[in-house]
Amino acid sequence: MPKLMTSCPHFLVADVRRAAEYYRDKLGFRIIGYFFEEPPAFGMVDRDGAEIHLRRAYDGRKGSNRERVGDALDCYIHVDDVEALYAEFKEREAEITMAPTRQGYGMKEIYVRDPDGYTICFGQRVD
């Protein structure tokens, strides 16, 4: 049976460069590159194999799942040390919307919001 390797969320954003720089500066991602035109219409960022694609929203249509369902997430990234990541994000002054919280389903999670309003959850399995 074929093995699935990775998943990359694809976010529609107002400004690809601004979004990518937020991921780099506030969340520690690496900018893989910008593509197609200037200003860029598409960009890619990654950190430790977690990759996010950023696509300019030409018609202004963008937005978080939270705009439609109040407790929805846009991306979930599994991590091995959510407390250390939380401390890093605080130091980088990322927009943290939920501090480390132990959930009833066996995960400890933090939420971060990006400049386009997307909510990313970083979660660690706990006993």
Protein backbone atom coordinates (compact mmCIF):
# COMPACT_ATOMS: atom_id res chain seq x y z
CA MET A 1 0.00 0.00 0.00
CA PRO A 2 1.39 3.48 -0.82
CA LYS A 3 2.59 5.54 2.14
CA LEU A 4 1.46 9.14 2.56
CA MET A 5 4.51 11.29 3.27
CA THR A 6 3.41 14.83 4.18
CA SER A 7 0.56 17.29 3.95
CA CYS A 8 0.90 20.98 3.10
CA PRO A 9 -1.91 23.43 3.87
CA HIS A 10 -2.47 26.00 1.15
CA PHE A 11 -3.44 29.42 2.55
CA LEU A 12 -4.84 32.30 0.50
CA VAL A 13 -3.13 35.48 1.73
CA ALA A 14 -3.18 39.20 0.98
CA ASP A 15 0.60 39.50 0.60
CA VAL A 16 2.77 36.42 0.06
CA ARG A 17 6.03 38.08 1.10
CA ARG A 18 4.54 39.53 4.30
CA ALA A 19 3.00 36.16 5.21
CA ALA A 20 6.23 34.24 4.54
CA GLU A 21 8.28 36.71 6.56
CA TYR A 22 5.89 36.31 9.50
CA TYR A 23 6.35 32.54 9.40
CA ARG A 24 10.13 33.05 9.25
CA ASP A 25 10.48 35.80 11.85
CA LYS A 26 7.78 34.82 14.35
CA LEU A 27 7.46 31.04 13.95
CA GLY A 28 10.98 30.01 12.93
CA PHE A 29 10.12 28.66 9.49
CA ARG A 30 12.50 28.84 6.53
CA ILE A 31 11.37 30.55 3.34
CA ILE A 32 11.76 27.96 0.58
CA GLY A 33 11.05 30.50 -2.14
CA TYR A 34 8.77 32.91 -3.94
CA PHE A 35 7.33 32.09 -7.34
CA PHE A 36 5.54 33.24 -10.51
CA GLU A 37 5.66 37.04 -10.47
CA GLU A 38 6.70 40.15 -8.60
CA PRO A 39 5.27 40.75 -6.13
CA PRO A 40 5.16 36.98 -5.60
CA ALA A 41 1.94 35.13 -6.28
CA PHE A 42 3.06 32.01 -4.43
CA GLY A 43 5.49 31.14 -1.67
CA MET A 44 6.48 28.18 0.43
CA VAL A 45 7.79 27.97 4.00
CA ASP A 46 8.87 25.00 6.07
CA ARG A 47 10.17 24.02 9.45
CA ASP A 48 11.37 20.50 10.21
CA GLY A 49 9.32 19.08 7.34
CA ALA A 50 6.12 20.97 8.20
CA GLU A 51 5.48 22.93 5.00
CA ILE A 52 2.90 25.65 4.35
CA HIS A 53 2.05 27.05 0.92
CA LEU A 54 1.00 30.68 0.57
CA ARG A 55 -1.03 31.85 -2.44
CA ARG A 56 -1.98 35.45 -3.13
CA ALA A 57 -5.74 35.93 -3.07
CA TYR A 58 -6.35 38.09 -6.15
CA ASP A 59 -10.05 38.55 -5.52
CA GLY A 60 -9.66 39.34 -1.81
CA ARG A 61 -11.25 36.00 -0.91
CA LYS A 62 -9.27 34.54 1.95
CA GLY A 63 -9.81 33.79 5.56
CA SER A 64 -9.64 31.39 8.37
CA ASN A 65 -11.96 28.47 8.96
CA ARG A 66 -12.66 30.25 12.28
CA GLU A 67 -14.60 32.88 10.35
CA ARG A 68 -17.07 30.13 9.46
CA VAL A 69 -16.90 27.90 12.55
CA GLY A 70 -15.70 29.65 15.71
CA ASP A 71 -13.58 26.83 17.13
CA ALA A 72 -12.16 25.54 13.83
CA LEU A 73 -8.45 25.35 13.02
CA ASP A 74 -6.69 25.97 9.72
CA CYS A 75 -3.67 23.76 10.30
CA TYR A 76 -2.57 21.26 12.93
CA ILE A 77 1.14 20.52 13.37
CA HIS A 78 2.34 17.76 15.71
CA VAL A 79 5.40 18.70 17.79
CA ASP A 80 7.62 16.94 20.31
CA ASP A 81 7.89 19.77 22.90
CA VAL A 82 4.99 22.22 22.92
CA GLU A 83 6.24 24.05 26.04
CA ALA A 84 9.61 24.84 24.43
CA LEU A 85 7.86 25.93 21.24
CA TYR A 86 5.54 28.17 23.26
CA ALA A 87 8.56 29.82 24.94
CA GLU A 88 10.21 30.33 21.54
CA PHE A 89 7.07 31.86 20.03
CA LYS A 90 6.66 34.18 23.02
CA GLU A 91 10.25 35.36 22.63
CA ARG A 92 9.68 35.95 18.91
CA GLU A 93 6.47 37.87 19.75
CA ALA A 94 4.20 35.67 17.65
CA GLU A 95 0.47 36.20 18.07
CA ILE A 96 -0.35 33.38 20.48
CA THR A 97 -4.09 32.98 20.99
CA MET A 98 -3.97 30.01 23.35
CA ALA A 99 -1.18 29.19 25.81
CA PRO A 100 -0.29 25.51 26.37
CA THR A 101 -3.52 23.78 27.25
CA ARG A 102 -4.03 20.11 28.05
CA GLN A 103 -6.99 18.75 26.10
CA GLY A 104 -9.25 15.87 27.08
CA TYR A 105 -8.22 13.93 23.97
CA GLY A 106 -4.61 13.48 25.11
CA MET A 107 -2.93 16.48 23.50
CA LYS A 108 -1.30 19.62 24.89
CA GLU A 109 -1.78 22.45 22.39
CA ILE A 110 -1.01 26.07 21.62
CA TYR A 111 -2.72 28.25 19.02
CA VAL A 112 -1.02 30.92 16.93
CA ARG A 113 -2.68 33.34 14.50
CA ASP A 114 -0.89 34.59 11.40
CA PRO A 115 -1.30 38.05 9.77
CA ASP A 116 -4.11 36.79 7.52
CA GLY A 117 -6.08 35.39 10.46
CA TYR A 118 -5.26 31.70 10.00
CA THR A 119 -5.13 29.73 13.25
CA ILE A 120 -2.40 27.12 13.50
CA CYS A 121 -2.43 24.60 16.33
CA PHE A 122 0.81 23.04 17.53
CA GLY A 123 0.08 19.91 19.56
CA GLN A 124 2.02 17.34 21.56
CA ARG A 125 0.65 13.98 22.62
CA VAL A 126 0.68 13.65 26.42
CA ASP A 127 0.02 10.67 28.70
